[in-house]
N, C-alpha and C. Protein backbone atom coordinates (compact mmCIF):
# COMPACT_ATOMS: atom_id res chain seq x y z
N MET A 1 115.39 67.04 29.77
CA MET A 1 114.94 68.26 30.37
C MET A 1 115.59 69.43 29.63
N ILE A 2 114.79 70.37 29.21
CA ILE A 2 115.25 71.53 28.44
C ILE A 2 114.99 72.79 29.27
N ALA A 3 115.98 73.66 29.33
CA ALA A 3 115.82 74.96 30.00
C ALA A 3 115.29 75.98 29.02
N ILE A 4 114.66 77.03 29.56
CA ILE A 4 114.14 78.07 28.71
C ILE A 4 114.68 79.43 29.18
N ASP A 5 115.08 80.24 28.22
CA ASP A 5 115.64 81.55 28.49
C ASP A 5 114.48 82.58 28.68
N SER A 6 114.71 83.53 29.53
CA SER A 6 113.65 84.48 29.88
C SER A 6 113.08 85.27 28.72
N PRO A 7 113.86 85.76 27.74
CA PRO A 7 113.23 86.52 26.66
C PRO A 7 112.18 85.72 25.87
N VAL A 8 112.36 84.44 25.78
CA VAL A 8 111.40 83.59 25.08
C VAL A 8 110.06 83.60 25.86
N LEU A 9 110.16 83.47 27.17
CA LEU A 9 108.96 83.47 28.00
C LEU A 9 108.33 84.86 28.04
N VAL A 10 109.12 85.91 28.11
CA VAL A 10 108.57 87.26 28.13
C VAL A 10 107.77 87.51 26.85
N ASP A 11 108.29 87.06 25.73
CA ASP A 11 107.54 87.19 24.46
C ASP A 11 106.20 86.50 24.57
N LEU A 12 106.19 85.30 25.10
CA LEU A 12 104.93 84.56 25.24
C LEU A 12 103.95 85.25 26.16
N LEU A 13 104.45 85.73 27.29
CA LEU A 13 103.59 86.30 28.32
C LEU A 13 103.12 87.71 28.02
N THR A 14 103.85 88.43 27.17
CA THR A 14 103.47 89.80 26.84
C THR A 14 103.03 89.95 25.40
N ASP A 15 102.83 88.82 24.72
CA ASP A 15 102.45 88.81 23.31
C ASP A 15 103.43 89.63 22.45
N GLY A 16 104.71 89.36 22.69
CA GLY A 16 105.77 90.07 21.98
C GLY A 16 105.88 89.66 20.53
N VAL A 17 106.82 90.27 19.86
CA VAL A 17 107.02 90.09 18.42
C VAL A 17 107.22 88.61 18.05
N TYR A 18 107.90 87.88 18.89
CA TYR A 18 108.23 86.49 18.59
C TYR A 18 107.32 85.50 19.32
N ALA A 19 106.20 85.94 19.79
CA ALA A 19 105.31 85.11 20.61
C ALA A 19 104.88 83.83 19.88
N ASP A 20 104.48 83.93 18.63
CA ASP A 20 104.02 82.75 17.88
C ASP A 20 105.13 81.71 17.73
N ALA A 21 106.32 82.19 17.35
CA ALA A 21 107.46 81.28 17.17
C ALA A 21 107.86 80.65 18.51
N SER A 22 107.83 81.45 19.55
CA SER A 22 108.19 80.96 20.89
C SER A 22 107.19 79.92 21.36
N GLU A 23 105.90 80.15 21.12
CA GLU A 23 104.88 79.22 21.54
C GLU A 23 105.02 77.89 20.80
N ALA A 24 105.24 77.95 19.50
CA ALA A 24 105.40 76.72 18.72
C ALA A 24 106.62 75.93 19.19
N CYS A 25 107.70 76.61 19.47
CA CYS A 25 108.92 75.95 19.94
C CYS A 25 108.71 75.32 21.30
N LEU A 26 108.05 76.05 22.21
CA LEU A 26 107.79 75.53 23.54
C LEU A 26 106.91 74.28 23.47
N ARG A 27 105.86 74.34 22.67
CA ARG A 27 104.98 73.18 22.52
C ARG A 27 105.73 71.94 22.04
N GLN A 28 106.60 72.15 21.04
CA GLN A 28 107.37 71.06 20.50
C GLN A 28 108.30 70.49 21.57
N CYS A 29 108.96 71.33 22.33
CA CYS A 29 109.89 70.85 23.36
C CYS A 29 109.15 70.10 24.47
N LEU A 30 107.97 70.60 24.83
CA LEU A 30 107.18 69.94 25.88
C LEU A 30 106.75 68.52 25.49
N THR A 31 106.60 68.26 24.19
CA THR A 31 106.25 66.90 23.75
C THR A 31 107.42 65.93 23.95
N ALA A 32 108.64 66.47 23.98
CA ALA A 32 109.82 65.64 24.15
C ALA A 32 110.20 65.41 25.59
N GLY A 33 109.70 66.25 26.50
CA GLY A 33 110.07 66.10 27.90
C GLY A 33 109.83 67.39 28.65
N PRO A 34 110.28 67.45 29.92
CA PRO A 34 110.04 68.64 30.73
C PRO A 34 110.83 69.85 30.25
N VAL A 35 110.21 71.02 30.42
CA VAL A 35 110.90 72.30 30.18
C VAL A 35 110.97 72.97 31.54
N VAL A 36 112.17 73.52 31.84
CA VAL A 36 112.40 74.08 33.16
C VAL A 36 112.93 75.51 33.09
N ILE A 37 112.80 76.19 34.21
CA ILE A 37 113.33 77.56 34.35
C ILE A 37 114.11 77.63 35.63
N CYS A 38 115.26 78.30 35.61
CA CYS A 38 116.02 78.48 36.82
C CYS A 38 115.63 79.80 37.49
N GLU A 39 116.12 80.00 38.72
CA GLU A 39 115.71 81.19 39.48
C GLU A 39 116.11 82.49 38.81
N VAL A 40 117.20 82.50 38.06
CA VAL A 40 117.65 83.73 37.40
C VAL A 40 116.67 84.13 36.31
N ALA A 41 116.31 83.18 35.46
CA ALA A 41 115.34 83.44 34.41
C ALA A 41 113.97 83.77 35.01
N LEU A 42 113.62 83.10 36.10
CA LEU A 42 112.35 83.36 36.75
C LEU A 42 112.30 84.80 37.26
N ALA A 43 113.38 85.29 37.82
CA ALA A 43 113.42 86.68 38.29
C ALA A 43 113.25 87.65 37.12
N GLU A 44 113.88 87.36 36.01
CA GLU A 44 113.74 88.23 34.84
C GLU A 44 112.31 88.22 34.30
N VAL A 45 111.70 87.04 34.27
CA VAL A 45 110.31 86.94 33.80
C VAL A 45 109.37 87.68 34.76
N SER A 46 109.60 87.49 36.04
CA SER A 46 108.76 88.12 37.04
C SER A 46 108.83 89.66 36.93
N SER A 47 109.99 90.18 36.59
CA SER A 47 110.14 91.64 36.47
C SER A 47 109.35 92.20 35.29
N ALA A 48 109.00 91.35 34.35
CA ALA A 48 108.24 91.79 33.17
C ALA A 48 106.73 91.74 33.41
N LEU A 49 106.31 91.13 34.51
CA LEU A 49 104.90 90.97 34.82
C LEU A 49 104.51 91.81 36.04
N GLN A 50 103.27 91.71 36.43
CA GLN A 50 102.78 92.48 37.59
C GLN A 50 103.38 92.03 38.91
N ASN A 51 103.54 90.72 39.08
CA ASN A 51 104.08 90.21 40.33
C ASN A 51 104.52 88.74 40.17
N GLY A 52 105.17 88.26 41.22
CA GLY A 52 105.65 86.87 41.17
C GLY A 52 104.58 85.83 41.08
N ALA A 53 103.46 86.08 41.73
CA ALA A 53 102.35 85.11 41.67
C ALA A 53 101.83 84.97 40.25
N GLU A 54 101.79 86.07 39.53
CA GLU A 54 101.36 86.03 38.12
C GLU A 54 102.34 85.21 37.29
N ALA A 55 103.63 85.40 37.55
CA ALA A 55 104.65 84.62 36.83
C ALA A 55 104.52 83.16 37.11
N MET A 56 104.36 82.78 38.38
CA MET A 56 104.26 81.37 38.74
C MET A 56 103.00 80.74 38.15
N MET A 57 101.91 81.44 38.16
CA MET A 57 100.67 80.91 37.59
C MET A 57 100.83 80.70 36.08
N ALA A 58 101.46 81.64 35.41
CA ALA A 58 101.67 81.51 33.96
C ALA A 58 102.56 80.32 33.63
N LEU A 59 103.62 80.14 34.40
CA LEU A 59 104.53 79.02 34.17
C LEU A 59 103.82 77.70 34.41
N GLU A 60 103.02 77.66 35.46
CA GLU A 60 102.27 76.43 35.75
C GLU A 60 101.31 76.10 34.60
N GLU A 61 100.63 77.10 34.08
CA GLU A 61 99.71 76.88 32.95
C GLU A 61 100.44 76.39 31.71
N MET A 62 101.70 76.79 31.56
CA MET A 62 102.49 76.36 30.39
C MET A 62 103.25 75.07 30.67
N SER A 63 103.08 74.49 31.85
CA SER A 63 103.76 73.24 32.25
C SER A 63 105.28 73.41 32.35
N ILE A 64 105.72 74.58 32.70
CA ILE A 64 107.16 74.82 32.89
C ILE A 64 107.47 74.64 34.36
N ARG A 65 108.48 73.82 34.65
CA ARG A 65 108.85 73.50 36.02
C ARG A 65 110.03 74.36 36.48
N PHE A 66 110.20 74.43 37.76
CA PHE A 66 111.33 75.16 38.37
C PHE A 66 112.50 74.21 38.61
N SER A 67 113.70 74.64 38.23
CA SER A 67 114.90 73.87 38.45
C SER A 67 115.99 74.81 38.99
N PRO A 68 116.31 74.73 40.27
CA PRO A 68 117.29 75.65 40.85
C PRO A 68 118.71 75.38 40.38
N LEU A 69 119.50 76.44 40.38
CA LEU A 69 120.91 76.32 40.05
C LEU A 69 121.64 75.50 41.11
N GLU A 70 122.52 74.65 40.66
CA GLU A 70 123.41 73.92 41.55
C GLU A 70 124.72 74.69 41.67
N VAL A 71 125.48 74.39 42.69
CA VAL A 71 126.75 75.08 42.92
C VAL A 71 127.65 74.98 41.69
N LYS A 72 127.72 73.81 41.08
CA LYS A 72 128.61 73.64 39.93
C LYS A 72 128.24 74.59 38.79
N SER A 73 126.98 74.87 38.64
CA SER A 73 126.54 75.78 37.58
C SER A 73 126.90 77.22 37.90
N ALA A 74 126.74 77.62 39.15
CA ALA A 74 127.11 78.97 39.56
C ALA A 74 128.62 79.20 39.38
N LEU A 75 129.42 78.21 39.72
CA LEU A 75 130.86 78.32 39.55
C LEU A 75 131.25 78.41 38.09
N ARG A 76 130.62 77.59 37.24
CA ARG A 76 130.92 77.62 35.80
C ARG A 76 130.53 78.99 35.23
N ALA A 77 129.41 79.54 35.67
CA ALA A 77 128.96 80.86 35.19
C ALA A 77 130.01 81.93 35.51
N GLY A 78 130.54 81.88 36.71
CA GLY A 78 131.58 82.84 37.09
C GLY A 78 132.84 82.69 36.24
N GLU A 79 133.22 81.44 35.96
CA GLU A 79 134.38 81.21 35.11
C GLU A 79 134.18 81.75 33.70
N MET A 80 132.98 81.52 33.17
CA MET A 80 132.68 81.98 31.81
C MET A 80 132.64 83.51 31.75
N GLN A 81 132.11 84.16 32.76
CA GLN A 81 132.06 85.62 32.77
C GLN A 81 133.46 86.20 32.87
N ARG A 82 134.31 85.58 33.69
CA ARG A 82 135.70 86.03 33.81
C ARG A 82 136.42 85.91 32.47
N ARG A 83 136.23 84.80 31.78
CA ARG A 83 136.87 84.62 30.45
C ARG A 83 136.38 85.67 29.48
N HIS A 84 135.10 85.96 29.52
CA HIS A 84 134.55 86.98 28.64
C HIS A 84 135.19 88.35 28.90
N ARG A 85 135.31 88.72 30.16
CA ARG A 85 135.94 90.01 30.50
C ARG A 85 137.39 90.05 30.06
N GLN A 86 138.08 88.92 30.16
CA GLN A 86 139.49 88.88 29.73
C GLN A 86 139.62 89.04 28.23
N ARG A 87 138.68 88.50 27.47
CA ARG A 87 138.72 88.57 26.00
C ARG A 87 138.23 89.89 25.48
N ASP A 88 137.23 90.48 26.11
CA ASP A 88 136.58 91.68 25.58
C ASP A 88 136.35 92.66 26.71
N HIS A 89 137.32 93.55 26.91
CA HIS A 89 137.26 94.48 28.03
C HIS A 89 136.15 95.53 27.85
N SER A 90 135.71 95.78 26.64
CA SER A 90 134.69 96.81 26.41
C SER A 90 133.27 96.31 26.70
N SER A 91 133.08 95.00 26.66
CA SER A 91 131.73 94.45 26.85
C SER A 91 131.57 93.97 28.28
N ARG A 92 130.43 94.26 28.85
CA ARG A 92 130.12 93.83 30.22
C ARG A 92 128.81 93.06 30.21
N ARG A 93 128.84 91.89 29.67
CA ARG A 93 127.63 91.04 29.64
C ARG A 93 127.23 90.71 31.08
N ALA A 94 125.96 90.76 31.37
CA ALA A 94 125.47 90.58 32.74
C ALA A 94 125.58 89.13 33.21
N ALA A 95 125.77 88.96 34.51
CA ALA A 95 125.90 87.63 35.12
C ALA A 95 124.71 86.74 34.85
N PRO A 96 123.47 87.24 34.79
CA PRO A 96 122.32 86.33 34.55
C PRO A 96 122.47 85.48 33.30
N ASP A 97 123.03 86.04 32.25
CA ASP A 97 123.17 85.28 31.02
C ASP A 97 124.08 84.07 31.22
N TYR A 98 125.15 84.26 31.97
CA TYR A 98 126.09 83.18 32.25
C TYR A 98 125.46 82.12 33.15
N LEU A 99 124.68 82.59 34.13
CA LEU A 99 124.01 81.65 35.03
C LEU A 99 123.00 80.78 34.29
N ILE A 100 122.22 81.40 33.42
CA ILE A 100 121.24 80.67 32.61
C ILE A 100 121.95 79.66 31.70
N GLY A 101 123.02 80.08 31.07
CA GLY A 101 123.78 79.19 30.20
C GLY A 101 124.42 78.03 30.92
N ALA A 102 125.01 78.30 32.08
CA ALA A 102 125.66 77.23 32.86
C ALA A 102 124.60 76.24 33.37
N HIS A 103 123.46 76.76 33.82
CA HIS A 103 122.38 75.88 34.28
C HIS A 103 121.97 74.93 33.16
N ALA A 104 121.76 75.49 31.96
CA ALA A 104 121.34 74.67 30.82
C ALA A 104 122.40 73.64 30.42
N LEU A 105 123.65 74.08 30.44
CA LEU A 105 124.75 73.18 30.05
C LEU A 105 124.97 72.03 31.00
N LEU A 106 124.99 72.34 32.29
CA LEU A 106 125.37 71.34 33.29
C LEU A 106 124.19 70.59 33.91
N GLN A 107 123.00 71.13 33.86
CA GLN A 107 121.87 70.50 34.53
C GLN A 107 120.75 70.09 33.58
N CYS A 108 120.83 70.53 32.34
CA CYS A 108 119.75 70.24 31.39
C CYS A 108 120.34 69.66 30.10
N ASP A 109 119.45 69.38 29.17
CA ASP A 109 119.88 68.81 27.88
C ASP A 109 119.88 69.83 26.77
N GLY A 110 119.58 71.08 27.09
CA GLY A 110 119.56 72.11 26.07
C GLY A 110 118.89 73.37 26.59
N LEU A 111 118.83 74.40 25.71
CA LEU A 111 118.28 75.70 26.08
C LEU A 111 117.47 76.25 24.92
N ILE A 112 116.24 76.68 25.22
CA ILE A 112 115.42 77.39 24.26
C ILE A 112 115.78 78.86 24.39
N THR A 113 116.31 79.45 23.34
CA THR A 113 116.77 80.84 23.38
C THR A 113 116.74 81.46 22.00
N ARG A 114 116.69 82.79 21.98
CA ARG A 114 116.88 83.51 20.73
C ARG A 114 118.29 84.11 20.67
N ASP A 115 119.02 84.04 21.77
CA ASP A 115 120.36 84.60 21.85
C ASP A 115 121.41 83.53 21.56
N ASP A 116 121.21 82.81 20.46
CA ASP A 116 122.05 81.66 20.17
C ASP A 116 123.51 82.05 19.91
N LYS A 117 123.77 83.21 19.39
CA LYS A 117 125.18 83.62 19.12
C LYS A 117 125.98 83.64 20.42
N PHE A 118 125.46 84.28 21.44
CA PHE A 118 126.16 84.35 22.72
C PHE A 118 126.37 82.96 23.32
N PHE A 119 125.30 82.19 23.42
CA PHE A 119 125.40 80.89 24.07
C PHE A 119 126.27 79.93 23.28
N ARG A 120 126.28 80.02 21.96
CA ARG A 120 127.13 79.17 21.13
C ARG A 120 128.60 79.48 21.37
N GLU A 121 128.90 80.77 21.54
CA GLU A 121 130.28 81.19 21.72
C GLU A 121 130.83 80.81 23.10
N TYR A 122 130.03 80.94 24.14
CA TYR A 122 130.53 80.75 25.50
C TYR A 122 130.20 79.39 26.11
N PHE A 123 129.25 78.68 25.57
CA PHE A 123 128.85 77.41 26.15
C PHE A 123 128.94 76.30 25.09
N LYS A 124 130.16 75.98 24.71
CA LYS A 124 130.41 74.96 23.70
C LYS A 124 129.76 73.65 24.16
N GLY A 125 129.07 73.01 23.24
CA GLY A 125 128.44 71.73 23.53
C GLY A 125 127.02 71.86 24.03
N LEU A 126 126.57 73.08 24.32
CA LEU A 126 125.19 73.29 24.77
C LEU A 126 124.27 73.22 23.56
N LYS A 127 123.28 72.33 23.64
CA LYS A 127 122.29 72.22 22.57
C LYS A 127 121.37 73.43 22.65
N LEU A 128 121.28 74.14 21.52
CA LEU A 128 120.44 75.34 21.48
C LEU A 128 119.23 75.08 20.61
N ILE A 129 118.08 75.50 21.10
CA ILE A 129 116.83 75.38 20.37
C ILE A 129 116.33 76.80 20.16
N VAL A 130 116.32 77.23 18.90
CA VAL A 130 115.99 78.61 18.57
C VAL A 130 114.62 78.62 17.90
N PRO A 131 113.66 79.34 18.50
CA PRO A 131 112.35 79.45 17.87
C PRO A 131 112.45 80.01 16.43
N SER A 132 111.83 79.33 15.49
CA SER A 132 111.85 79.77 14.08
C SER A 132 110.90 80.93 13.90
N VAL A 133 111.40 81.99 13.32
CA VAL A 133 110.56 83.16 13.08
C VAL A 133 109.93 83.09 11.71
């Protein structure tokens, strides 16, 4: 099971700059098994569209399933955000990024993302799948 980051989906749904690369990557991942989205990424995707029903219909058409965050993932996200604040006081990376990363690390087998630098630094061992541009 592979998780998908919201910017990849937003590109697909809004015909963004990376839409073709994101579509090819998603298709390839779907041949290997299920692709899932957590509630945090779903909220971000929904904010880019007209409404939640549109988001759910689009995800269903793309065969992307919903996978809710477990408590262990939420706790890990908080730990990672705290470590980040301790290391870099000037940067305030938002909690959603940590939640998406922890969900992928602890509940999935990898993450489709374009933000590989961040996830590589904070989520050691997380398999990252980066759409080729």
